[in-house]
Amino acid sequence: MTDTSPELTVVVATRNRPEFLREAVDAIGSQRGVNGIEIIVVHDQSDPDETVAAAAPDACVRVVSNTREVGLAGARNTGILLAKGEFVAFCDDDDVWMAGKAARQISVLRARPEVNLVTTGIIVEYDGEQHSRSLATESITMADMIRDRHTELHPSTFLFRSQALRSLGLVSPSVPGGFGEDYELLLRVARHGTIANVTDPLVRIRWHKSSYFFERWKMMAEGLGYLLDEYPEFRRDRRGYARIRGQIAFARAAEGQRRDGVAGALDAMRSYPLEPRAPLALLVALGVVKPEWIMAKLHRVGRGI
């Protein structure tokens, strides 16, 4: 690390969303209280657009192509390995950082040397409505992450110590379809220590039908199944196991695998009878309601399955 190195590198993986991308880059470049910001825009399966640098004239903007595995994990890892900052953060190309976000997170990491990752709350924007979602805790453990995914911990809020992230092994490209690679990273970090959290909502998250994983049920089921196999901690927590099984059951039912949906829902209910996703999976598997209807209702209150 030299005196000319930026304090923070922000990796923005992108694919064919130029207008959203410019808003994201502008919000990052407008952050104050940080000793130099480097923004690495990584184009995945799309042509690099050098003009995006104009959106953040006060930052060092580097526009590159994904040189690793195709997809979000490879794009983020391309940026991480190029990063010059002491700290590195992610921002999805359709999300927007609030003023002061980066400085507040960096101050937490400087005050807590045992912590390698700090997150924040979010504001979910869907179909013209906004919902604030934040965890009322400043510390998150592995047990917390097994019990609940905590959607509030969105990857656009992640800010790491760069060296620690590289030591942990970057973003895993092994999660099928890339669904849940952010959750896998949270689990991996939590295995090695506490995750810090800023309780205020400091990132605006846009949920919309052009989002990459919108209603990709097969990817969802396979990605969550991978996590269940890779992290035996789930099977030692009946409620955490039931949650994942309920999500997989819902996804299987939604993709038309009704028998698998019913079996998974019953398995979830046996593990934890109060798991709310199990009855939803049964309703979809039995054809009582459409999965799109349930997802729309959940999204309108800032929730997911």
C-alpha atoms as a PDB file:
ATOM      1  CA  MET A   1       0.000   0.000   0.000  1.00  0.00           C
ATOM      2  CA  THR A   2       1.509   3.338  -1.028  1.00  0.00           C
ATOM      3  CA  ASP A   3       0.569   6.868  -0.007  1.00  0.00           C
ATOM      4  CA  THR A   4      -1.067   7.348  -3.393  1.00  0.00           C
ATOM      5  CA  SER A   5      -3.320   4.308  -3.074  1.00  0.00           C
ATOM      6  CA  PRO A   6      -7.030   5.040  -2.658  1.00  0.00           C
ATOM      7  CA  GLU A   7      -8.565   4.270   0.706  1.00  0.00           C
ATOM      8  CA  LEU A   8     -11.518   2.525  -0.954  1.00  0.00           C
ATOM      9  CA  THR A   9     -12.097   0.527  -4.128  1.00  0.00           C
ATOM     10  CA  VAL A  10     -15.695  -0.075  -5.198  1.00  0.00           C
ATOM     11  CA  VAL A  11     -16.378  -2.915  -7.621  1.00  0.00           C
ATOM     12  CA  VAL A  12     -19.442  -2.416  -9.816  1.00  0.00           C
ATOM     13  CA  ALA A  13     -20.290  -5.447 -11.935  1.00  0.00           C
ATOM     14  CA  THR A  14     -22.545  -4.524 -14.840  1.00  0.00           C
ATOM     15  CA  ARG A  15     -24.307  -5.895 -17.877  1.00  0.00           C
ATOM     16  CA  ASN A  16     -26.349  -3.754 -20.273  1.00  0.00           C
ATOM     17  CA  ARG A  17     -27.897  -1.282 -17.805  1.00  0.00           C
ATOM     18  CA  PRO A  18     -26.186   1.999 -18.774  1.00  0.00           C
ATOM     19  CA  GLU A  19     -28.614   4.464 -17.171  1.00  0.00           C
ATOM     20  CA  PHE A  20     -28.793   2.666 -13.836  1.00  0.00           C
ATOM     21  CA  LEU A  21     -25.011   2.226 -13.957  1.00  0.00           C
ATOM     22  CA  ARG A  22     -24.393   5.955 -14.256  1.00  0.00           C
ATOM     23  CA  GLU A  23     -26.573   6.650 -11.232  1.00  0.00           C
ATOM     24  CA  ALA A  24     -24.684   4.040  -9.207  1.00  0.00           C
ATOM     25  CA  VAL A  25     -21.275   5.412 -10.227  1.00  0.00           C
ATOM     26  CA  ASP A  26     -22.347   9.017  -9.555  1.00  0.00           C
ATOM     27  CA  ALA A  27     -23.504   8.127  -6.012  1.00  0.00           C
ATOM     28  CA  ILE A  28     -20.240   6.316  -5.263  1.00  0.00           C
ATOM     29  CA  GLY A  29     -18.109   9.141  -6.631  1.00  0.00           C
ATOM     30  CA  SER A  30     -20.060  11.661  -4.540  1.00  0.00           C
ATOM     31  CA  GLN A  31     -19.097  10.006  -1.234  1.00  0.00           C
ATOM     32  CA  ARG A  32     -17.263  12.326   1.150  1.00  0.00           C
ATOM     33  CA  GLY A  33     -14.930  11.651   4.057  1.00  0.00           C
ATOM     34  CA  VAL A  34     -12.947   8.955   2.225  1.00  0.00           C
ATOM     35  CA  ASN A  35      -9.285   9.425   1.341  1.00  0.00           C
ATOM     36  CA  GLY A  36      -9.542   8.541  -2.337  1.00  0.00           C
ATOM     37  CA  ILE A  37     -12.094   6.381  -4.133  1.00  0.00           C
ATOM     38  CA  GLU A  38     -11.339   4.014  -6.974  1.00  0.00           C
ATOM     39  CA  ILE A  39     -14.341   2.680  -8.927  1.00  0.00           C
ATOM     40  CA  ILE A  40     -13.777  -0.431 -11.029  1.00  0.00           C
ATOM     41  CA  VAL A  41     -16.653  -0.989 -13.454  1.00  0.00           C
ATOM     42  CA  VAL A  42     -16.509  -4.581 -14.667  1.00  0.00           C
ATOM     43  CA  HIS A  43     -18.500  -5.333 -17.812  1.00  0.00           C
ATOM     44  CA  ASP A  44     -19.709  -8.930 -17.917  1.00  0.00           C
ATOM     45  CA  GLN A  45     -20.855 -10.273 -21.314  1.00  0.00           C
ATOM     46  CA  SER A  46     -21.133  -6.709 -22.616  1.00  0.00           C
ATOM     47  CA  ASP A  47     -18.880  -4.177 -24.295  1.00  0.00           C
ATOM     48  CA  PRO A  48     -16.977  -1.816 -21.957  1.00  0.00           C
ATOM     49  CA  ASP A  49     -18.304   1.735 -21.970  1.00  0.00           C
ATOM     50  CA  GLU A  50     -15.517   4.196 -21.143  1.00  0.00           C
ATOM     51  CA  THR A  51     -17.947   7.145 -21.052  1.00  0.00           C
ATOM     52  CA  VAL A  52     -19.292   6.001 -17.674  1.00  0.00           C
ATOM     53  CA  ALA A  53     -16.209   7.580 -16.057  1.00  0.00           C
ATOM     54  CA  ALA A  54     -17.766  11.001 -16.617  1.00  0.00           C
ATOM     55  CA  ALA A  55     -20.432  10.149 -14.032  1.00  0.00           C
ATOM     56  CA  ALA A  56     -17.835  10.383 -11.220  1.00  0.00           C
ATOM     57  CA  PRO A  57     -15.309  13.100 -12.108  1.00  0.00           C
ATOM     58  CA  ASP A  58     -13.926  13.229  -8.545  1.00  0.00           C
ATOM     59  CA  ALA A  59     -13.074   9.519  -8.438  1.00  0.00           C
ATOM     60  CA  CYS A  60     -10.646   7.305 -10.316  1.00  0.00           C
ATOM     61  CA  VAL A  61     -12.890   5.222 -12.580  1.00  0.00           C
ATOM     62  CA  ARG A  62     -11.458   2.161 -14.322  1.00  0.00           C
ATOM     63  CA  VAL A  63     -13.594   0.396 -16.942  1.00  0.00           C
ATOM     64  CA  VAL A  64     -12.615  -3.228 -17.622  1.00  0.00           C
ATOM     65  CA  SER A  65     -13.993  -6.503 -18.960  1.00  0.00           C
ATOM     66  CA  ASN A  66     -14.605  -9.580 -16.851  1.00  0.00           C
ATOM     67  CA  THR A  67     -11.518 -11.783 -17.246  1.00  0.00           C
ATOM     68  CA  ARG A  68     -12.684 -14.621 -15.024  1.00  0.00           C
ATOM     69  CA  GLU A  69     -15.752 -16.885 -14.963  1.00  0.00           C
ATOM     70  CA  VAL A  70     -18.792 -15.527 -16.795  1.00  0.00           C
ATOM     71  CA  GLY A  71     -21.297 -14.102 -14.355  1.00  0.00           C
ATOM     72  CA  LEU A  72     -21.503 -11.968 -11.243  1.00  0.00           C
ATOM     73  CA  ALA A  73     -18.954 -13.875  -9.161  1.00  0.00           C
ATOM     74  CA  GLY A  74     -16.323 -13.716 -11.899  1.00  0.00           C
ATOM     75  CA  ALA A  75     -16.992 -10.037 -12.544  1.00  0.00           C
ATOM     76  CA  ARG A  76     -16.667  -9.138  -8.885  1.00  0.00           C
ATOM     77  CA  ASN A  77     -13.494 -11.206  -8.552  1.00  0.00           C
ATOM     78  CA  THR A  78     -11.996  -9.445 -11.574  1.00  0.00           C
ATOM     79  CA  GLY A  79     -12.510  -6.145  -9.762  1.00  0.00           C
ATOM     80  CA  ILE A  80     -11.306  -7.417  -6.380  1.00  0.00           C
ATOM     81  CA  LEU A  81      -8.016  -8.635  -7.836  1.00  0.00           C
ATOM     82  CA  LEU A  82      -7.452  -5.264  -9.554  1.00  0.00           C
ATOM     83  CA  ALA A  83      -8.369  -3.237  -6.468  1.00  0.00           C
ATOM     84  CA  LYS A  84      -5.739  -0.881  -5.036  1.00  0.00           C
ATOM     85  CA  GLY A  85      -7.733   0.260  -2.018  1.00  0.00           C
ATOM     86  CA  GLU A  86      -7.175  -0.707   1.589  1.00  0.00           C
ATOM     87  CA  PHE A  87     -10.883  -1.453   1.670  1.00  0.00           C
ATOM     88  CA  VAL A  88     -13.091  -2.896  -1.070  1.00  0.00           C
ATOM     89  CA  ALA A  89     -16.851  -2.680  -1.483  1.00  0.00           C
ATOM     90  CA  PHE A  90     -19.509  -3.943  -3.894  1.00  0.00           C
ATOM     91  CA  CYS A  91     -22.323  -2.023  -5.518  1.00  0.00           C
ATOM     92  CA  ASP A  92     -24.768  -3.562  -7.975  1.00  0.00           C
ATOM     93  CA  ASP A  93     -25.220  -1.507 -11.130  1.00  0.00           C
ATOM     94  CA  ASP A  94     -28.864  -0.699 -10.313  1.00  0.00           C
ATOM     95  CA  ASP A  95     -28.384   0.344  -6.668  1.00  0.00           C
ATOM     96  CA  VAL A  96     -27.580   3.739  -5.149  1.00  0.00           C
ATOM     97  CA  TRP A  97     -25.416   4.557  -2.122  1.00  0.00           C
ATOM     98  CA  MET A  98     -26.624   7.226   0.311  1.00  0.00           C
ATOM     99  CA  ALA A  99     -24.378  10.122   1.359  1.00  0.00           C
ATOM    100  CA  GLY A 100     -21.858   9.162   4.045  1.00  0.00           C
ATOM    101  CA  LYS A 101     -22.234   5.401   3.581  1.00  0.00           C
ATOM    102  CA  ALA A 102     -18.597   4.597   2.858  1.00  0.00           C
ATOM    103  CA  ALA A 103     -17.095   6.859   5.551  1.00  0.00           C
ATOM    104  CA  ARG A 104     -19.328   5.414   8.261  1.00  0.00           C
ATOM    105  CA  GLN A 105     -18.417   1.842   7.363  1.00  0.00           C
ATOM    106  CA  ILE A 106     -14.694   2.564   7.183  1.00  0.00           C
ATOM    107  CA  SER A 107     -14.840   4.196  10.618  1.00  0.00           C
ATOM    108  CA  VAL A 108     -16.389   0.991  11.985  1.00  0.00           C
ATOM    109  CA  LEU A 109     -13.616  -1.178  10.548  1.00  0.00           C
ATOM    110  CA  ARG A 110     -10.958   1.142  11.937  1.00  0.00           C
ATOM    111  CA  ALA A 111     -12.588   0.990  15.385  1.00  0.00           C
ATOM    112  CA  ARG A 112     -13.059  -2.798  15.303  1.00  0.00           C
ATOM    113  CA  PRO A 113      -9.841  -4.459  14.083  1.00  0.00           C
ATOM    114  CA  GLU A 114     -11.263  -7.948  14.667  1.00  0.00           C
ATOM    115  CA  VAL A 115     -13.962  -7.377  12.004  1.00  0.00           C
ATOM    116  CA  ASN A 116     -13.383  -7.947   8.264  1.00  0.00           C
ATOM    117  CA  LEU A 117     -16.797  -6.971   6.858  1.00  0.00           C
ATOM    118  CA  VAL A 118     -19.318  -4.273   7.676  1.00  0.00           C
ATOM    119  CA  THR A 119     -22.829  -3.981   6.209  1.00  0.00           C
ATOM    120  CA  THR A 120     -25.671  -1.441   6.453  1.00  0.00           C
ATOM    121  CA  GLY A 121     -29.437  -1.314   6.289  1.00  0.00           C
ATOM    122  CA  ILE A 122     -31.227  -0.801   2.974  1.00  0.00           C
ATOM    123  CA  ILE A 123     -34.227   0.911   1.412  1.00  0.00           C
ATOM    124  CA  VAL A 124     -36.031  -1.462  -0.949  1.00  0.00           C
ATOM    125  CA  GLU A 125     -37.677   0.196  -3.934  1.00  0.00           C
ATOM    126  CA  TYR A 126     -40.269  -1.818  -5.864  1.00  0.00           C
ATOM    127  CA  ASP A 127     -43.050  -0.669  -8.183  1.00  0.00           C
ATOM    128  CA  GLY A 128     -42.970   2.901  -6.949  1.00  0.00           C
ATOM    129  CA  GLU A 129     -42.936   2.031  -3.240  1.00  0.00           C
ATOM    130  CA  GLN A 130     -40.072   2.162  -0.750  1.00  0.00           C
ATOM    131  CA  HIS A 131     -39.530   0.111   2.401  1.00  0.00           C
ATOM    132  CA  SER A 132     -36.738   0.592   4.913  1.00  0.00           C
ATOM    133  CA  ARG A 133     -35.115  -2.603   6.159  1.00  0.00           C
ATOM    134  CA  SER A 134     -32.405  -2.651   8.813  1.00  0.00           C
ATOM    135  CA  LEU A 135     -31.133  -5.041  11.460  1.00  0.00           C
ATOM    136  CA  ALA A 136     -31.265  -3.595  14.966  1.00  0.00           C
ATOM    137  CA  THR A 137     -27.841  -4.979  15.845  1.00  0.00           C
ATOM    138  CA  GLU A 138     -24.259  -3.888  15.296  1.00  0.00           C
ATOM    139  CA  SER A 139     -22.844  -7.448  15.330  1.00  0.00           C
ATOM    140  CA  ILE A 140     -23.893 -10.539  13.351  1.00  0.00           C
ATOM    141  CA  THR A 141     -22.657 -14.061  14.093  1.00  0.00           C
ATOM    142  CA  MET A 142     -22.574 -17.357  12.218  1.00  0.00           C
ATOM    143  CA  ALA A 143     -25.569 -18.555  14.242  1.00  0.00           C
ATOM    144  CA  ASP A 144     -27.504 -15.486  13.102  1.00  0.00           C
ATOM    145  CA  MET A 145     -26.650 -16.178   9.444  1.00  0.00           C
ATOM    146  CA  ILE A 146     -27.734 -19.827   9.691  1.00  0.00           C
ATOM    147  CA  ARG A 147     -31.048 -18.946  11.309  1.00  0.00           C
ATOM    148  CA  ASP A 148     -31.908 -16.235   8.769  1.00  0.00           C
ATOM    149  CA  ARG A 149     -30.452 -14.951   5.480  1.00  0.00           C
ATOM    150  CA  HIS A 150     -31.219 -11.398   6.607  1.00  0.00           C
ATOM    151  CA  THR A 151     -32.058  -9.820   3.256  1.00  0.00           C
ATOM    152  CA  GLU A 152     -31.076  -6.506   4.815  1.00  0.00           C
ATOM    153  CA  LEU A 153     -27.459  -7.608   4.335  1.00  0.00           C
ATOM    154  CA  HIS A 154     -27.452  -6.879   0.629  1.00  0.00           C
ATOM    155  CA  PRO A 155     -24.161  -7.189  -1.322  1.00  0.00           C
ATOM    156  CA  SER A 156     -24.387  -3.505  -2.296  1.00  0.00           C
ATOM    157  CA  THR A 157     -23.836  -2.763   1.408  1.00  0.00           C
ATOM    158  CA  PHE A 158     -20.739  -4.993   1.775  1.00  0.00           C
ATOM    159  CA  LEU A 159     -17.460  -3.235   2.633  1.00  0.00           C
ATOM    160  CA  PHE A 160     -14.409  -5.404   3.419  1.00  0.00           C
ATOM    161  CA  ARG A 161     -10.789  -5.147   4.372  1.00  0.00           C
ATOM    162  CA  SER A 162      -9.242  -5.935   0.982  1.00  0.00           C
ATOM    163  CA  GLN A 163      -6.564  -8.310   2.245  1.00  0.00           C
ATOM    164  CA  ALA A 164      -9.043 -10.245   4.357  1.00  0.00           C
ATOM    165  CA  LEU A 165     -11.393 -10.713   1.410  1.00  0.00           C
ATOM    166  CA  ARG A 166      -8.579 -12.047  -0.750  1.00  0.00           C
ATOM    167  CA  SER A 167      -7.492 -14.389   2.046  1.00  0.00           C
ATOM    168  CA  LEU A 168     -11.031 -15.740   2.408  1.00  0.00           C
ATOM    169  CA  GLY A 169     -11.009 -16.831  -1.228  1.00  0.00           C
ATOM    170  CA  LEU A 170     -12.976 -14.159  -3.109  1.00  0.00           C
ATOM    171  CA  VAL A 171     -16.562 -14.686  -4.314  1.00  0.00           C
ATOM    172  CA  SER A 172     -17.274 -18.349  -4.975  1.00  0.00           C
ATOM    173  CA  PRO A 173     -17.935 -19.196  -8.640  1.00  0.00           C
ATOM    174  CA  SER A 174     -19.081 -22.690  -7.614  1.00  0.00           C
ATOM    175  CA  VAL A 175     -22.614 -21.777  -6.498  1.00  0.00           C
ATOM    176  CA  PRO A 176     -24.900 -23.126  -9.274  1.00  0.00           C
ATOM    177  CA  GLY A 177     -26.136 -20.300 -11.464  1.00  0.00           C
ATOM    178  CA  GLY A 178     -24.593 -17.820  -9.042  1.00  0.00           C
ATOM    179  CA  PHE A 179     -27.794 -17.778  -6.975  1.00  0.00           C
ATOM    180  CA  GLY A 180     -26.837 -17.149  -3.357  1.00  0.00           C
ATOM    181  CA  GLU A 181     -23.125 -16.485  -3.881  1.00  0.00           C
ATOM    182  CA  ASP A 182     -23.508 -13.372  -1.707  1.00  0.00           C
ATOM    183  CA  TYR A 183     -25.059 -15.479   1.066  1.00  0.00           C
ATOM    184  CA  GLU A 184     -22.259 -18.031   0.716  1.00  0.00           C
ATOM    185  CA  LEU A 185     -19.726 -15.236   1.158  1.00  0.00           C
ATOM    186  CA  LEU A 186     -21.517 -13.977   4.268  1.00  0.00           C
ATOM    187  CA  LEU A 187     -21.481 -17.495   5.719  1.00  0.00           C
ATOM    188  CA  ARG A 188     -17.785 -17.881   4.969  1.00  0.00           C
ATOM    189  CA  VAL A 189     -16.923 -14.551   6.584  1.00  0.00           C
ATOM    190  CA  ALA A 190     -19.099 -15.353   9.622  1.00  0.00           C
ATOM    191  CA  ARG A 191     -17.276 -18.661  10.090  1.00  0.00           C
ATOM    192  CA  HIS A 192     -14.120 -16.651  10.724  1.00  0.00           C
ATOM    193  CA  GLY A 193     -15.572 -13.928  12.944  1.00  0.00           C
ATOM    194  CA  THR A 194     -18.290 -11.418  13.641  1.00  0.00           C
ATOM    195  CA  ILE A 195     -19.760  -9.248  10.873  1.00  0.00           C
ATOM    196  CA  ALA A 196     -20.296  -5.596  11.831  1.00  0.00           C
ATOM    197  CA  ASN A 197     -23.426  -3.703  10.840  1.00  0.00           C
ATOM    198  CA  VAL A 198     -24.461  -0.053  10.573  1.00  0.00           C
ATOM    199  CA  THR A 199     -28.122  -0.056  11.537  1.00  0.00           C
ATOM    200  CA  ASP A 200     -29.151   2.898   9.355  1.00  0.00           C
ATOM    201  CA  PRO A 201     -30.387   2.266   5.779  1.00  0.00           C
ATOM    202  CA  LEU A 202     -27.612   3.631   3.569  1.00  0.00           C
ATOM    203  CA  VAL A 203     -28.248   1.949   0.190  1.00  0.00           C
ATOM    204  CA  ARG A 204     -31.292   2.175  -2.069  1.00  0.00           C
ATOM    205  CA  ILE A 205     -31.966  -1.248  -3.583  1.00  0.00           C
ATOM    206  CA  ARG A 206     -34.062  -1.470  -6.734  1.00  0.00           C
ATOM    207  CA  TRP A 207     -36.108  -4.623  -7.249  1.00  0.00           C
ATOM    208  CA  HIS A 208     -37.528  -4.911 -10.743  1.00  0.00           C
ATOM    209  CA  LYS A 209     -38.279  -7.472 -13.419  1.00  0.00           C
ATOM    210  CA  SER A 210     -34.978  -6.887 -15.182  1.00  0.00           C
ATOM    211  CA  SER A 211     -33.101  -8.040 -12.070  1.00  0.00           C
ATOM    212  CA  TYR A 212     -30.997 -11.046 -13.023  1.00  0.00           C
ATOM    213  CA  PHE A 213     -32.550 -13.581 -10.635  1.00  0.00           C
ATOM    214  CA  PHE A 214     -36.160 -12.473 -10.964  1.00  0.00           C
ATOM    215  CA  GLU A 215     -38.243 -15.697 -11.023  1.00  0.00           C
ATOM    216  CA  ARG A 216     -35.348 -17.978 -12.016  1.00  0.00           C
ATOM    217  CA  TRP A 217     -36.694 -20.841  -9.927  1.00  0.00           C
ATOM    218  CA  LYS A 218     -34.351 -23.617 -11.054  1.00  0.00           C
ATOM    219  CA  MET A 219     -31.259 -21.504 -10.242  1.00  0.00           C
ATOM    220  CA  MET A 220     -32.743 -20.661  -6.874  1.00  0.00           C
ATOM    221  CA  ALA A 221     -33.364 -24.297  -5.954  1.00  0.00           C
ATOM    222  CA  GLU A 222     -29.937 -25.465  -7.098  1.00  0.00           C
ATOM    223  CA  GLY A 223     -28.073 -22.567  -5.467  1.00  0.00           C
ATOM    224  CA  LEU A 224     -29.769 -23.063  -2.107  1.00  0.00           C
ATOM    225  CA  GLY A 225     -29.278 -26.824  -2.342  1.00  0.00           C
ATOM    226  CA  TYR A 226     -25.560 -26.209  -2.816  1.00  0.00           C
ATOM    227  CA  LEU A 227     -25.428 -24.096   0.349  1.00  0.00           C
ATOM    228  CA  LEU A 228     -27.282 -26.772   2.290  1.00  0.00           C
ATOM    229  CA  ASP A 229     -24.685 -29.337   1.249  1.00  0.00           C
ATOM    230  CA  GLU A 230     -21.647 -27.082   1.789  1.00  0.00           C
ATOM    231  CA  TYR A 231     -22.625 -25.792   5.225  1.00  0.00           C
ATOM    232  CA  PRO A 232     -23.462 -28.612   7.676  1.00  0.00           C
ATOM    233  CA  GLU A 233     -24.284 -25.924  10.243  1.00  0.00           C
ATOM    234  CA  PHE A 234     -27.774 -25.772   8.696  1.00  0.00           C
ATOM    235  CA  ARG A 235     -28.544 -29.342   9.714  1.00  0.00           C
ATOM    236  CA  ARG A 236     -27.638 -28.535  13.300  1.00  0.00           C
ATOM    237  CA  ASP A 237     -30.249 -25.765  13.440  1.00  0.00           C
ATOM    238  CA  ARG A 238     -33.783 -27.035  12.867  1.00  0.00           C
ATOM    239  CA  ARG A 239     -35.178 -23.604  12.109  1.00  0.00           C
ATOM    240  CA  GLY A 240     -32.348 -22.656   9.756  1.00  0.00           C
ATOM    241  CA  TYR A 241     -32.640 -25.977   7.926  1.00  0.00           C
ATOM    242  CA  ALA A 242     -36.426 -25.602   7.607  1.00  0.00           C
ATOM    243  CA  ARG A 243     -36.010 -22.126   6.120  1.00  0.00           C
ATOM    244  CA  ILE A 244     -33.697 -23.316   3.358  1.00  0.00           C
ATOM    245  CA  ARG A 245     -35.813 -26.408   2.648  1.00  0.00           C
ATOM    246  CA  GLY A 246     -38.915 -24.223   2.489  1.00  0.00           C
ATOM    247  CA  GLN A 247     -37.273 -21.906  -0.030  1.00  0.00           C
ATOM    248  CA  ILE A 248     -36.133 -24.828  -2.174  1.00  0.00           C
ATOM    249  CA  ALA A 249     -39.613 -26.368  -1.983  1.00  0.00           C
ATOM    250  CA  PHE A 250     -41.193 -23.103  -3.125  1.00  0.00           C
ATOM    251  CA  ALA A 251     -38.760 -22.831  -6.047  1.00  0.00           C
ATOM    252  CA  ARG A 252     -39.328 -26.459  -7.103  1.00  0.00           C
ATOM    253  CA  ALA A 253     -43.092 -25.993  -6.965  1.00  0.00           C
ATOM    254  CA  ALA A 254     -42.820 -22.741  -8.921  1.00  0.00           C
ATOM    255  CA  GLU A 255     -40.843 -24.396 -11.720  1.00  0.00           C
ATOM    256  CA  GLY A 256     -43.504 -27.109 -12.025  1.00  0.00           C
ATOM    257  CA  GLN A 257     -41.814 -29.837  -9.971  1.00  0.00           C
ATOM    258  CA  ARG A 258     -44.891 -30.295  -7.804  1.00  0.00           C
ATOM    259  CA  ARG A 259     -43.918 -33.596  -6.199  1.00  0.00           C
ATOM    260  CA  ASP A 260     -40.550 -32.180  -5.120  1.00  0.00           C
ATOM    261  CA  GLY A 261     -42.310 -29.072  -3.874  1.00  0.00           C
ATOM    262  CA  VAL A 262     -44.677 -31.035  -1.658  1.00  0.00           C
ATOM    263  CA  ALA A 263     -41.917 -33.328  -0.351  1.00  0.00           C
ATOM    264  CA  GLY A 264     -39.665 -30.378   0.457  1.00  0.00           C
ATOM    265  CA  ALA A 265     -42.462 -28.465   2.168  1.00  0.00           C
ATOM    266  CA  LEU A 266     -43.304 -31.455   4.375  1.00  0.00           C
ATOM    267  CA  ASP A 267     -39.636 -31.921   5.218  1.00  0.00           C
ATOM    268  CA  ALA A 268     -39.412 -28.269   6.250  1.00  0.00           C
ATOM    269  CA  MET A 269     -42.526 -28.574   8.421  1.00  0.00           C
ATOM    270  CA  ARG A 270     -41.150 -31.650  10.161  1.00  0.00           C
ATOM    271  CA  SER A 271     -37.990 -29.757  11.040  1.00  0.00           C
ATOM    272  CA  TYR A 272     -39.770 -26.596  12.169  1.00  0.00           C
ATOM    273  CA  PRO A 273     -43.599 -26.596  11.987  1.00  0.00           C
ATOM    274  CA  LEU A 274     -43.828 -22.802  12.031  1.00  0.00           C
ATOM    275  CA  GLU A 275     -41.667 -22.290   8.916  1.00  0.00           C
ATOM    276  CA  PRO A 276     -43.852 -19.914   6.826  1.00  0.00           C
ATOM    277  CA  ARG A 277     -42.434 -20.861   3.408  1.00  0.00           C
ATOM    278  CA  ALA A 278     -43.642 -24.462   3.691  1.00  0.00           C
ATOM    279  CA  PRO A 279     -47.388 -23.709   3.384  1.00  0.00           C
ATOM    280  CA  LEU A 280     -46.667 -21.237   0.575  1.00  0.00           C
ATOM    281  CA  ALA A 281     -44.788 -23.976  -1.285  1.00  0.00           C
ATOM    282  CA  LEU A 282     -47.723 -26.340  -0.770  1.00  0.00           C
ATOM    283  CA  LEU A 283     -50.197 -23.776  -2.120  1.00  0.00           C
ATOM    284  CA  VAL A 284     -48.073 -23.335  -5.250  1.00  0.00           C
ATOM    285  CA  ALA A 285     -47.490 -27.079  -5.667  1.00  0.00           C
ATOM    286  CA  LEU A 286     -51.226 -27.757  -5.402  1.00  0.00           C
ATOM    287  CA  GLY A 287     -52.028 -25.049  -7.933  1.00  0.00           C
ATOM    288  CA  VAL A 288     -54.005 -22.921  -5.479  1.00  0.00           C
ATOM    289  CA  VAL A 289     -51.981 -19.768  -6.162  1.00  0.00           C
ATOM    290  CA  LYS A 290     -49.348 -18.735  -8.678  1.00  0.00           C
ATOM    291  CA  PRO A 291     -45.799 -18.100  -7.424  1.00  0.00           C
ATOM    292  CA  GLU A 292     -45.705 -14.759  -9.250  1.00  0.00           C
ATOM    293  CA  TRP A 293     -48.651 -13.549  -7.182  1.00  0.00           C
ATOM    294  CA  ILE A 294     -46.940 -14.456  -3.919  1.00  0.00           C
ATOM    295  CA  MET A 295     -43.659 -12.849  -4.976  1.00  0.00           C
ATOM    296  CA  ALA A 296     -45.419  -9.638  -6.039  1.00  0.00           C
ATOM    297  CA  LYS A 297     -47.160  -9.420  -2.661  1.00  0.00           C
ATOM    298  CA  LEU A 298     -43.880  -9.979  -0.805  1.00  0.00           C
ATOM    299  CA  HIS A 299     -41.976  -7.473  -2.920  1.00  0.00           C
ATOM    300  CA  ARG A 300     -44.577  -4.787  -2.260  1.00  0.00           C
ATOM    301  CA  VAL A 301     -43.643  -4.917   1.430  1.00  0.00           C
ATOM    302  CA  GLY A 302     -39.905  -5.112   0.709  1.00  0.00           C
ATOM    303  CA  ARG A 303     -39.656  -8.860   1.256  1.00  0.00           C
ATOM    304  CA  GLY A 304     -38.637 -11.916  -0.721  1.00  0.00           C
ATOM    305  CA  ILE A 305     -39.299 -15.625  -0.348  1.00  0.00           C
END
